[in-house]
Protein backbone atom coordinates (compact mmCIF):
# COMPACT_ATOMS: atom_id res chain seq x y z
CA MET A 1 4.28 26.28 -36.73
CA PRO A 2 1.92 29.15 -35.27
CA GLY A 3 1.18 29.46 -31.47
CA ILE A 4 -1.70 27.89 -29.55
CA ALA A 5 -5.17 29.50 -31.06
CA ARG A 6 -7.77 27.58 -29.67
CA ALA A 7 -8.26 25.24 -26.82
CA LEU A 8 -10.84 22.76 -25.54
CA LEU A 9 -10.92 22.48 -21.43
CA SER A 10 -13.30 20.00 -19.94
CA VAL A 11 -12.59 18.78 -16.77
CA SER A 12 -14.51 16.96 -13.76
CA ASP A 13 -11.56 17.86 -11.24
CA LYS A 14 -12.02 21.94 -11.31
CA THR A 15 -8.73 22.60 -9.03
CA GLY A 16 -6.85 25.55 -11.18
CA ILE A 17 -8.79 25.32 -14.20
CA VAL A 18 -9.99 28.45 -13.95
CA ASP A 19 -7.15 30.31 -13.55
CA PHE A 20 -5.40 28.18 -16.16
CA ALA A 21 -8.42 29.41 -18.54
CA ARG A 22 -7.71 33.05 -17.70
CA GLY A 23 -4.20 32.30 -18.45
CA LEU A 24 -4.73 30.76 -21.87
CA ALA A 25 -7.31 33.64 -22.64
CA ASN A 26 -4.68 36.66 -21.54
CA ARG A 27 -2.30 34.99 -24.33
CA GLU A 28 -5.25 35.36 -27.10
CA VAL A 29 -6.21 31.72 -27.09
CA GLU A 30 -10.01 31.01 -28.03
CA LEU A 31 -11.50 28.85 -25.29
CA LEU A 32 -14.39 25.95 -26.11
CA SER A 33 -15.79 24.22 -23.02
CA THR A 34 -18.42 22.02 -22.05
CA GLY A 35 -21.09 21.75 -19.20
CA GLY A 36 -20.08 22.59 -15.63
CA THR A 37 -16.44 23.63 -17.19
CA ALA A 38 -17.98 26.05 -19.18
CA GLN A 39 -20.35 27.73 -16.34
CA ALA A 40 -17.31 27.88 -14.15
CA LEU A 41 -15.14 30.06 -16.82
CA ARG A 42 -18.73 32.37 -17.41
CA ASP A 43 -18.78 32.70 -13.37
CA ALA A 44 -15.32 33.81 -13.59
CA ARG A 45 -15.99 36.13 -16.63
CA ILE A 46 -13.80 34.42 -19.01
CA PRO A 47 -14.74 34.46 -22.74
CA VAL A 48 -15.70 30.78 -23.78
CA LEU A 49 -17.52 28.92 -26.66
CA ASP A 50 -19.70 25.63 -25.69
CA VAL A 51 -18.68 22.96 -27.83
CA ALA A 52 -22.75 22.83 -28.62
CA GLU A 53 -22.29 25.90 -30.77
CA LEU A 54 -19.40 24.85 -32.42
CA THR A 55 -20.78 21.30 -33.56
CA GLY A 56 -24.63 22.71 -34.20
CA PHE A 57 -25.39 19.43 -32.14
CA PRO A 58 -26.48 19.83 -28.36
CA GLU A 59 -25.25 17.81 -25.66
CA MET A 60 -27.69 14.97 -25.42
CA LEU A 61 -28.42 11.66 -22.88
CA ASP A 62 -27.43 13.10 -20.05
CA GLY A 63 -24.25 14.45 -21.05
CA ARG A 64 -22.77 11.46 -22.73
CA VAL A 65 -22.75 12.58 -26.01
CA LYS A 66 -21.13 16.38 -26.24
CA THR A 67 -17.56 16.33 -27.86
CA LEU A 68 -18.13 12.82 -29.83
CA HIS A 69 -18.07 15.13 -32.96
CA PRO A 70 -16.25 15.33 -36.57
CA LYS A 71 -15.51 19.12 -36.10
CA VAL A 72 -13.83 18.28 -32.44
CA HIS A 73 -11.84 15.07 -33.47
CA ALA A 74 -10.91 16.33 -37.18
CA GLY A 75 -9.49 19.58 -35.64
CA LEU A 76 -7.50 17.29 -33.08
CA LEU A 77 -6.20 14.71 -35.59
CA TYR A 78 -5.46 16.39 -38.67
CA LEU A 79 -2.10 16.57 -39.81
CA ARG A 80 -0.74 20.31 -40.40
CA ASP A 81 1.87 19.61 -42.81
CA ASN A 82 -0.22 17.26 -44.74
CA GLU A 83 -1.91 18.81 -47.63
CA GLU A 84 -4.43 16.28 -48.29
CA HIS A 85 -5.63 16.75 -44.55
CA GLN A 86 -5.59 20.84 -45.04
CA ALA A 87 -7.54 20.18 -48.31
CA ALA A 88 -10.01 18.04 -46.64
CA MET A 89 -10.17 20.56 -43.33
CA LYS A 90 -10.89 23.44 -45.59
CA ALA A 91 -13.66 21.73 -47.72
CA HIS A 92 -15.79 20.82 -44.57
CA GLY A 93 -14.76 24.24 -42.99
CA LEU A 94 -13.05 22.55 -40.06
CA SER A 95 -10.95 24.53 -37.90
CA PRO A 96 -8.03 22.86 -35.41
CA ILE A 97 -8.10 22.80 -31.93
CA ASP A 98 -4.16 23.02 -30.68
CA LEU A 99 -4.59 22.36 -26.79
CA VAL A 100 -7.11 19.68 -25.02
CA CYS A 101 -6.85 20.35 -21.16
CA VAL A 102 -9.39 17.13 -19.91
CA ASN A 103 -9.37 14.91 -16.63
CA LEU A 104 -11.68 12.52 -16.34
CA TYR A 105 -15.06 11.00 -14.34
CA PRO A 106 -14.10 10.07 -10.63
CA PHE A 107 -14.35 6.66 -11.18
CA GLU A 108 -11.49 5.65 -9.09
CA GLN A 109 -13.27 7.67 -6.08
CA THR A 110 -16.70 6.19 -6.61
CA VAL A 111 -15.91 2.66 -6.61
CA ALA A 112 -13.48 3.31 -3.58
CA ARG A 113 -16.38 4.01 -1.52
CA CYS A 114 -17.81 1.21 0.67
CA ASP A 115 -21.65 1.80 -0.51
CA VAL A 116 -20.91 2.23 -4.28
CA THR A 117 -23.59 0.57 -6.20
CA PHE A 118 -22.95 -0.92 -9.50
CA THR A 119 -24.99 1.21 -11.72
CA GLU A 120 -23.28 4.14 -10.38
CA ALA A 121 -19.88 2.72 -10.53
CA VAL A 122 -20.55 2.25 -14.84
CA GLU A 123 -22.29 5.62 -14.80
CA ASN A 124 -18.76 7.07 -13.70
CA ILE A 125 -17.30 5.32 -16.79
CA ASP A 126 -16.01 8.29 -18.59
CA ILE A 127 -16.20 7.66 -22.16
CA GLY A 128 -15.87 11.58 -24.40
CA GLY A 129 -12.58 12.48 -21.85
CA PRO A 130 -10.44 9.38 -22.77
CA THR A 131 -11.52 9.75 -26.04
CA LEU A 132 -10.36 13.41 -26.55
CA ILE A 133 -7.21 12.58 -24.51
CA ARG A 134 -6.15 9.77 -26.98
CA SER A 135 -6.90 11.80 -30.31
CA ALA A 136 -4.77 15.04 -29.21
CA ALA A 137 -1.92 12.46 -27.70
CA LYS A 138 -1.90 10.93 -30.91
CA ASN A 139 -1.20 14.31 -32.63
CA MET A 140 1.33 15.27 -29.99
CA ARG A 141 3.10 16.56 -33.15
CA PHE A 142 1.08 19.35 -33.15
CA VAL A 143 -1.41 19.19 -30.34
CA THR A 144 -0.72 19.87 -26.69
CA VAL A 145 -3.01 17.31 -23.93
CA VAL A 146 -2.97 18.52 -20.13
CA THR A 147 -4.61 15.90 -17.96
CA ASP A 148 -2.78 17.32 -14.96
CA PRO A 149 -3.56 20.60 -13.28
CA THR A 150 0.15 20.42 -11.88
CA ASP A 151 0.90 20.93 -15.21
CA TYR A 152 -0.98 23.99 -15.79
CA GLY A 153 1.68 26.59 -15.19
CA ARG A 154 4.34 24.32 -17.18
CA VAL A 155 2.22 25.12 -20.34
CA LEU A 156 1.84 28.87 -20.04
CA GLU A 157 5.52 29.36 -19.05
CA GLU A 158 6.22 27.12 -22.13
CA MET A 159 3.97 29.60 -23.65
CA ASP A 160 5.78 32.47 -22.91
CA ALA A 161 9.10 31.24 -23.98
CA HIS A 162 8.37 29.68 -27.20
CA ALA A 163 6.12 32.81 -28.48
CA GLY A 164 2.86 31.47 -27.79
CA GLU A 165 3.90 27.56 -29.00
CA LEU A 166 5.40 24.38 -26.81
CA SER A 167 8.35 22.85 -27.29
CA TYR A 168 8.01 19.32 -29.27
CA GLY A 169 9.63 17.89 -26.00
CA LEU A 170 7.13 18.92 -23.48
CA ARG A 171 4.50 17.92 -25.79
CA ARG A 172 5.40 14.55 -25.98
CA GLU A 173 5.97 14.52 -22.37
CA LEU A 174 2.24 15.58 -21.59
CA ALA A 175 1.50 12.67 -24.47
CA GLN A 176 2.94 10.27 -22.69
CA LYS A 177 1.43 10.80 -19.25
CA ALA A 178 -1.72 11.51 -20.80
CA PHE A 179 -1.66 7.78 -22.39
CA ALA A 180 -0.55 6.49 -19.06
CA ARG A 181 -3.66 8.11 -17.24
CA THR A 182 -5.66 6.72 -19.78
CA ALA A 183 -4.33 3.09 -19.13
CA SER A 184 -4.59 3.32 -15.42
CA TYR A 185 -8.38 4.79 -15.65
CA ASN A 186 -8.92 1.53 -17.95
CA ALA A 187 -6.93 -0.59 -15.57
CA ALA A 188 -9.19 0.47 -12.57
CA ILE A 189 -12.48 0.04 -14.53
CA ALA A 190 -11.35 -3.17 -15.52
CA GLN A 191 -10.10 -4.26 -12.08
CA TYR A 192 -13.59 -3.41 -10.58
CA LEU A 193 -15.45 -5.59 -13.30
CA SER A 194 -13.33 -8.55 -12.55
CA GLY A 195 -14.70 -8.24 -8.95
CA GLU A 196 -17.83 -8.38 -10.24
CA LEU A 197 -17.74 -11.55 -12.07
CA ASP A 198 -18.11 -15.17 -11.06
CA GLU A 199 -15.33 -16.68 -8.70
CA ASP A 200 -14.61 -19.31 -11.17
CA THR A 201 -13.48 -16.86 -14.02
CA THR A 202 -10.26 -15.93 -14.68
CA PRO A 203 -10.19 -12.53 -16.27
CA PRO A 204 -7.23 -10.36 -17.29
CA PHE A 205 -5.31 -9.04 -14.59
CA VAL A 206 -4.56 -5.30 -15.52
CA LEU A 207 -2.26 -2.91 -13.56
CA ALA A 208 -1.44 0.61 -14.40
CA TYR A 209 -0.50 3.13 -12.46
CA GLY A 210 -0.33 7.36 -12.87
CA SER A 211 3.05 9.44 -12.39
CA GLY A 212 5.67 8.07 -10.07
CA THR A 213 8.06 9.80 -7.77
CA GLU A 214 11.72 9.25 -7.99
CA LEU A 215 12.98 8.01 -4.60
CA ARG A 216 17.21 9.07 -3.78
CA TYR A 217 18.00 5.43 -4.87
CA GLY A 218 16.62 1.75 -4.78
CA GLU A 219 17.65 -0.88 -2.22
CA ASN A 220 21.35 0.20 -3.15
CA PRO A 221 22.94 3.29 -3.84
CA HIS A 222 23.53 2.11 -7.51
CA GLN A 223 19.72 1.39 -8.03
CA LYS A 224 17.47 4.04 -9.46
CA ALA A 225 14.33 3.77 -7.72
CA PHE A 226 10.56 4.83 -8.40
CA PHE A 227 7.17 5.00 -6.18
CA TYR A 228 4.05 4.75 -7.83
CA ARG A 229 0.56 4.88 -5.85
CA ASP A 230 -2.64 2.89 -6.68
CA ARG A 231 -5.29 5.41 -7.55
CA VAL A 232 -8.21 3.33 -5.94
CA SER A 233 -6.64 1.92 -2.76
CA ILE A 234 -8.55 3.07 0.23
CA GLU A 235 -7.54 0.78 3.29
CA PRO A 236 -4.64 1.69 5.53
CA GLY A 237 -1.16 1.46 4.18
CA ILE A 238 1.79 3.02 3.66
CA ALA A 239 1.43 4.45 -0.10
CA TYR A 240 -0.97 6.99 1.18
CA CYS A 241 0.73 7.94 4.80
CA GLU A 242 1.27 11.52 5.05
CA VAL A 243 4.90 12.43 6.30
CA LEU A 244 4.23 14.63 8.87
CA HIS A 245 8.09 15.12 10.30
CA GLY A 246 11.53 13.88 8.82
CA GLN A 247 13.28 12.97 5.46
CA ALA A 248 11.37 11.70 2.75
CA MET A 249 10.92 7.88 2.21
CA SER A 250 13.53 5.41 1.02
CA TYR A 251 12.90 2.62 -1.14
CA ASN A 252 13.47 0.03 2.04
CA ASN A 253 11.78 2.78 4.17
CA TYR A 254 8.86 1.87 1.87
CA LEU A 255 9.44 -1.99 2.29
CA ASP A 256 9.92 -2.05 6.11
CA GLY A 257 6.74 0.29 6.39
CA ASP A 258 4.47 -2.05 4.37
CA ALA A 259 5.49 -5.15 6.54
CA ALA A 260 5.11 -3.13 9.90
CA VAL A 261 2.02 -1.88 9.12
CA GLU A 262 0.39 -4.81 7.59
CA ALA A 263 1.57 -7.25 10.44
CA VAL A 264 0.00 -4.22 13.11
CA LYS A 265 -3.23 -4.56 11.57
CA GLU A 266 -3.48 -8.07 12.53
CA LEU A 267 -3.94 -6.40 16.35
CA SER A 268 -6.83 -4.29 15.17
CA ASP A 269 -8.85 -5.29 18.53
CA VAL A 270 -6.24 -4.10 21.28
CA PRO A 271 -3.14 -1.82 21.36
CA GLY A 272 -0.61 -3.42 19.45
CA VAL A 273 2.82 -2.69 18.06
CA ALA A 274 5.09 -4.23 15.14
CA VAL A 275 8.81 -3.25 15.00
CA VAL A 276 10.19 -4.54 11.80
CA LYS A 277 13.82 -4.84 10.41
CA HIS A 278 14.36 -6.13 7.10
CA SER A 279 10.71 -7.11 6.43
CA ASN A 280 10.34 -9.57 9.69
CA PRO A 281 8.81 -8.47 12.59
CA CYS A 282 11.83 -8.71 15.39
CA GLY A 283 9.35 -7.07 17.81
CA PHE A 284 5.41 -8.20 18.12
CA ALA A 285 3.19 -7.33 20.84
CA THR A 286 0.11 -6.25 22.61
CA GLY A 287 -0.58 -4.76 25.92
CA PRO A 288 -3.06 -2.93 28.38
CA THR A 289 -1.81 0.49 26.88
CA LEU A 290 0.01 1.18 23.54
CA ALA A 291 3.23 2.52 26.00
CA ALA A 292 3.17 -1.13 27.57
CA ALA A 293 2.94 -2.54 24.10
CA PHE A 294 5.53 -0.76 23.06
CA GLU A 295 7.76 -1.86 25.51
CA ALA A 296 7.17 -5.59 25.34
CA ALA A 297 7.87 -5.11 21.52
CA TRP A 298 10.97 -3.65 22.06
CA ALA A 299 12.00 -6.11 24.37
CA GLY A 300 11.25 -8.36 21.81
CA ASP A 301 14.74 -7.89 20.17
CA PRO A 302 16.15 -4.79 21.70
CA VAL A 303 19.70 -5.35 19.35
CA SER A 304 17.64 -5.39 15.93
CA ALA A 305 15.05 -2.58 17.06
CA PHE A 306 17.49 -0.07 16.94
CA GLY A 307 17.03 1.91 13.46
CA SER A 308 13.91 -0.08 12.99
CA VAL A 309 10.53 0.69 11.31
CA ILE A 310 7.60 0.73 14.07
CA ALA A 311 4.12 0.79 13.42
CA VAL A 312 1.24 1.20 16.23
CA ASN A 313 -2.41 0.32 15.80
CA ARG A 314 -3.86 3.23 18.15
CA PRO A 315 -3.01 7.35 17.95
CA PHE A 316 0.66 7.86 19.24
CA ASP A 317 0.65 9.35 22.96
CA SER A 318 2.85 11.12 25.23
CA ALA A 319 3.44 8.06 27.18
CA THR A 320 4.63 6.26 24.11
CA ALA A 321 6.70 9.03 23.01
CA GLY A 322 8.33 8.58 26.17
CA CYS A 323 9.48 5.10 25.12
CA LEU A 324 11.24 6.67 22.75
CA LYS A 325 14.15 8.10 24.85
CA GLY A 326 17.37 7.00 24.10
CA ARG A 327 16.27 5.25 21.46
CA ARG A 328 16.64 5.63 17.38
CA ILE A 329 13.92 4.43 14.83
CA ASP A 330 14.09 5.21 11.51
CA VAL A 331 10.44 5.68 10.63
CA LEU A 332 7.01 5.62 13.38
CA ILE A 333 4.10 5.18 11.89
CA ALA A 334 0.56 5.77 13.56
CA PRO A 335 -3.33 6.42 13.01
CA ASP A 336 -2.79 9.66 14.37
CA TYR A 337 -0.87 11.82 17.11
CA GLU A 338 -1.86 13.44 20.21
CA PRO A 339 -0.39 17.11 19.78
CA ASP A 340 2.16 16.83 22.59
CA ALA A 341 3.49 13.49 21.27
CA LEU A 342 4.11 14.97 18.31
CA ALA A 343 5.58 17.73 19.36
CA TYR A 344 7.97 16.15 20.97
CA LEU A 345 8.86 13.78 17.89
CA ALA A 346 9.51 17.12 16.10
CA GLU A 347 11.70 18.82 18.71
CA LYS A 348 13.34 15.68 19.89
CA LYS A 349 13.53 12.82 17.16
CA THR A 350 14.62 14.91 14.26
CA HIS A 351 15.82 11.64 12.62
CA THR A 352 12.78 9.93 12.82
CA ARG A 353 10.60 10.03 9.73
CA VAL A 354 6.97 10.58 11.52
CA LEU A 355 3.90 9.29 9.22
CA LYS A 356 0.21 9.23 9.92
CA LEU A 357 -2.22 6.39 8.11
CA ASN A 358 -5.10 7.42 5.67
CA ALA A 359 -7.30 5.42 7.69
CA PRO A 360 -7.57 3.73 11.19
CA CYS A 361 -5.96 0.87 11.41
CA THR A 362 -8.29 -1.96 10.62
CA GLY A 363 -7.44 -5.44 10.31
CA PRO A 364 -6.57 -7.11 7.65
CA THR A 365 -9.23 -7.30 4.09
CA PRO A 366 -9.25 -9.61 1.35
CA GLY A 367 -7.50 -8.72 -1.86
CA ARG A 368 -4.56 -9.84 -4.26
CA ALA A 369 -1.37 -9.59 -3.80
CA VAL A 370 1.04 -9.12 -6.66
CA ARG A 371 4.67 -10.16 -7.04
CA GLN A 372 6.94 -9.28 -9.96
CA ILE A 373 9.13 -12.28 -11.72
CA THR A 374 11.15 -11.77 -14.77
CA GLY A 375 8.83 -11.70 -17.73
CA GLY A 376 5.44 -11.93 -15.56
CA ILE A 377 3.75 -11.17 -12.33
CA LEU A 378 2.26 -13.77 -9.84
CA VAL A 379 -1.26 -13.19 -8.48
CA GLN A 380 -2.12 -14.50 -5.64
CA ASP A 381 -5.04 -14.24 -2.89
CA ARG A 382 -3.79 -12.12 0.68
CA ASP A 383 -3.27 -13.94 3.55
CA ALA A 384 -5.64 -12.85 5.31
CA LYS A 385 -7.20 -15.66 7.80
CA VAL A 386 -5.31 -17.36 11.10
CA MET A 387 -6.31 -20.76 11.08
CA GLU A 388 -9.19 -23.31 10.10
CA GLU A 389 -10.31 -25.63 12.98
CA PRO A 390 -7.79 -26.37 15.47
CA SER A 391 -7.59 -29.73 17.18
CA SER A 392 -5.14 -31.17 19.72
CA VAL A 393 -3.40 -34.02 18.19
CA THR A 394 -1.59 -35.38 21.16
CA ALA A 395 -1.86 -37.40 24.26
CA LYS A 396 -0.91 -34.44 26.01
CA SER A 397 -4.18 -32.41 25.45
CA PHE A 398 -3.60 -28.88 23.81
CA PRO A 399 -4.85 -26.50 26.87
CA MET A 400 -7.73 -24.38 25.07
CA GLU A 401 -6.79 -21.14 27.45
CA LYS A 402 -4.13 -20.93 25.44
CA ILE A 403 -5.66 -20.22 22.05
CA PRO A 404 -5.87 -16.61 22.10
CA LEU A 405 -2.07 -16.81 22.52
CA VAL A 406 -1.93 -18.97 19.80
CA GLU A 407 -3.70 -16.83 17.57
CA PHE A 408 -1.38 -13.94 18.35
CA GLY A 409 1.27 -16.43 17.60
CA ILE A 410 0.18 -17.14 13.81
CA LYS A 411 -0.48 -13.60 13.43
CA ALA A 412 3.28 -12.66 14.06
CA CYS A 413 4.60 -15.78 12.53
CA LYS A 414 2.56 -15.23 8.96
CA HIS A 415 4.37 -12.09 8.48
CA VAL A 416 7.96 -13.72 9.17
CA LYS A 417 9.98 -14.88 6.38
CA SER A 418 9.90 -18.98 5.67
CA ASN A 419 10.96 -21.41 7.21
CA ALA A 420 9.61 -19.38 10.33
CA ILE A 421 9.36 -20.34 14.12
CA VAL A 422 7.84 -17.87 16.09
CA LEU A 423 8.27 -18.28 20.29
CA VAL A 424 5.48 -16.45 22.17
CA ARG A 425 4.68 -15.87 25.65
CA GLU A 426 1.85 -13.94 27.58
CA TRP A 427 3.70 -11.34 29.42
CA ALA A 428 0.91 -10.46 31.39
CA PRO A 429 -2.55 -11.25 31.60
CA GLY A 430 -4.51 -10.95 28.22
CA CYS A 431 -1.32 -9.53 26.80
CA TYR A 432 1.05 -11.64 24.39
CA SER A 433 4.73 -10.81 23.08
CA VAL A 434 7.24 -12.44 20.65
CA LEU A 435 9.94 -13.99 22.77
CA GLY A 436 12.06 -15.26 19.75
CA MET A 437 11.94 -15.65 16.35
CA GLY A 438 13.42 -17.43 13.62
CA ALA A 439 13.32 -16.36 9.94
CA GLY A 440 13.92 -16.93 6.38
CA GLN A 441 15.96 -20.50 7.08
CA PRO A 442 16.39 -23.31 4.57
CA ASN A 443 15.32 -25.60 7.37
CA ARG A 444 12.78 -25.66 10.10
CA VAL A 445 15.41 -27.19 12.80
CA ASP A 446 18.04 -24.03 12.30
CA ALA A 447 15.34 -21.76 12.24
CA LEU A 448 14.35 -23.02 16.04
CA ARG A 449 17.62 -24.15 17.16
CA LYS A 450 19.99 -21.33 15.62
CA LEU A 451 17.84 -18.17 15.67
CA ALA A 452 14.54 -18.44 17.40
CA LEU A 453 15.70 -20.32 20.83
CA THR A 454 19.18 -18.48 20.72
CA LYS A 455 16.86 -14.88 20.69
CA ALA A 456 14.97 -16.18 23.17
CA ARG A 457 17.46 -17.09 26.03
CA GLU A 458 19.12 -13.74 25.44
CA ASN A 459 15.55 -12.34 26.37
CA ILE A 460 15.20 -14.82 29.36
CA GLU A 461 18.33 -13.34 30.68
CA ILE A 462 17.60 -9.76 30.34
CA LEU A 463 14.05 -10.74 32.03
CA TYR A 464 15.65 -12.40 34.83
CA GLU A 465 18.03 -9.27 35.61
CA ALA A 466 15.20 -7.21 35.59
CA ALA A 467 13.27 -9.62 38.00
CA SER A 468 13.24 -9.67 41.78
CA ALA A 469 15.63 -11.96 43.56
CA GLU A 470 12.63 -14.48 44.67
CA SER A 471 12.73 -15.59 40.75
CA GLY A 472 15.60 -18.05 42.04
CA ASP A 473 18.44 -18.99 39.50
CA LEU A 474 18.51 -18.64 35.76
CA GLU A 475 17.84 -21.83 34.97
CA ALA A 476 14.88 -22.40 37.30
CA PHE A 477 13.82 -18.98 36.05
CA ALA A 478 14.16 -19.93 31.98
CA ALA A 479 12.22 -23.63 32.47
CA GLY A 480 9.39 -21.55 33.40
CA LEU A 481 9.03 -19.17 31.31
CA LEU A 482 9.76 -21.61 27.92
CA GLY A 483 7.41 -24.02 29.85
CA GLU A 484 4.98 -21.66 28.94
CA THR A 485 5.84 -20.61 26.11
CA VAL A 486 4.17 -21.57 22.51
CA LEU A 487 6.09 -22.42 19.63
CA ILE A 488 4.28 -21.50 16.26
CA SER A 489 5.10 -22.94 12.80
CA ASP A 490 4.26 -21.66 9.43
CA ALA A 491 4.03 -24.84 7.81
CA PHE A 492 4.57 -28.69 9.05
CA PHE A 493 7.33 -30.27 10.39
CA PRO A 494 8.69 -32.99 7.64
CA PHE A 495 10.84 -34.63 10.72
CA ALA A 496 10.27 -35.10 14.44
CA ASP A 497 13.94 -33.40 14.83
CA THR A 498 12.32 -29.53 15.53
CA ILE A 499 9.94 -31.48 18.07
CA GLU A 500 13.13 -32.97 19.60
CA ALA A 501 15.00 -29.88 19.82
CA ALA A 502 11.85 -27.78 21.28
CA ALA A 503 11.42 -30.59 23.65
CA GLN A 504 15.05 -30.10 24.92
CA ALA A 505 15.03 -26.55 25.26
CA GLY A 506 11.68 -27.13 27.58
CA ILE A 507 8.88 -26.28 25.55
CA ARG A 508 5.48 -28.08 25.91
CA TYR A 509 3.25 -26.21 23.34
CA VAL A 510 3.61 -26.54 19.40
CA VAL A 511 1.30 -25.03 17.23
CA GLN A 512 1.65 -26.29 13.40
CA PRO A 513 -0.39 -26.34 10.31
CA GLY A 514 -0.18 -30.20 9.72
CA GLY A 515 -0.55 -32.04 6.42
CA SER A 516 3.10 -34.24 6.17
CA VAL A 517 3.12 -37.47 5.22
CA ARG A 518 5.02 -38.20 8.50
CA ASP A 519 2.57 -36.44 10.61
CA PRO A 520 2.31 -39.43 12.39
CA GLU A 521 5.92 -39.72 13.12
CA VAL A 522 5.84 -36.25 14.22
CA ILE A 523 2.71 -36.45 16.91
CA ASP A 524 4.49 -39.82 18.08
CA ALA A 525 7.19 -37.85 18.81
CA ALA A 526 5.47 -35.11 20.89
CA ASP A 527 3.76 -37.92 22.80
CA ARG A 528 7.10 -39.61 23.66
CA LEU A 529 8.72 -36.03 24.62
CA GLY A 530 5.07 -35.05 26.83
CA ILE A 531 4.15 -32.37 24.38
CA ALA A 532 0.86 -31.25 23.81
CA MET A 533 0.39 -30.38 20.03
CA LEU A 534 -2.06 -28.40 17.95
CA VAL A 535 -3.12 -28.44 14.48
CA THR A 536 -4.28 -25.50 13.14
CA GLY A 537 -4.90 -26.96 8.89
CA MET A 538 -3.63 -23.41 7.84
CA ARG A 539 -0.37 -22.95 6.56
CA HIS A 540 1.30 -19.42 6.22
CA PHE A 541 4.42 -19.44 4.07
CA ARG A 542 5.91 -16.27 3.10
CA HIS A 543 8.73 -16.03 0.92
């Protein structure tokens, strides 16, 4: 078939369009265009014919109607090897359009703004653009559709390689990309409108993403993996981090990075650090400075912290960079970096991926969480809350001065895999850290006895060795520390065995959601063992 002779260019994002148009014109392609795109080409002295001149019908209704015309869509949709189509085109004096270059009104960027109005959002729903794209993509055997500025160079190169034409393989690839673009665009509209509906409705749930990036491999080397971004997300998150230094991110890096960022966002009011290994925060702390919080978080599990992913919620400074000496981490994520700290990381930590968040590290926001299962997806509200009205339920009253420590502990516990037990302490006035953590166990008593307490005792020995000689013997030191530690459980206790194990270890303060049929039995055990128990009324399972 003959090469590309006529192209229609109509873009909202004009990145690269002048150079692309000039490249087409230099290859003797007639250019059609609309509105601002046509003006940009004229300003660049590139010959262009307005679509209104082609159709004989002016743009109208504030530009809503300009390309919706038979002279445009017949030119795109007619089958060049169909005799009836050829006769119809000739009878009506219609000519083919061989290439369409379109990108759409910036709906996703518009609704991402916090101040957008419903009227403004609706006005940014493109109609003519998706119609052009679908017409051209449907007729991919004969028509080329270009929706991504990064493909402009490929199109021109293929034209040179194929006497002005494109290979069918590239046309089909670009058509698939075009349909994916309109799908993601429509999904963004559907998602936005679903948020405007009454809460008691259950609208269709639509997900679609643009072009992805192939990763080296998935969780294991034999698995292929790809990464896709949500076009409408504006909150701080791992997906839109900028890699400032180090190798490209891997599949597991993204998983752990997401866990680290979401955890540290809980600590947005104070300097905070989350150290994550295999999606669990093995270290989690606040401090008067970021460096102090870093050291306290690292101390939560110094062994597991090796090769971890770490997120901080304040700009990474030189003092905190000094904490990395002799320590290996795979990924470091921060809202920003001081120049000296970034220079240190680039020079000394060549193995560390250094990532900058796309936005300040604010607290967790409401939204939807999606998980795939075979044959479907599960959608739920994000777990953005901490607790309901806490109440002390034991004879020994739970001290209200420990509520800030309780809130910190719940924020840690809600990011630990269930069944989860977290032991937290106030390591300095108003500063908190995880002393021991038990994650992902089939039963809660094992999470405490075999994991959280074991790790806590290891950390207590380290703290004891670092303390002065005035600390007394190890057992007395441990008893004093565990006596002020708060045990946080992500869900209720089905039996009293966890309470008994806690009391045996010397723990005097326990926090749980409540809600078990055996709550009276558990509370009786706490009373018998001298434990003060706080019930929060809010469970935090994380499967």
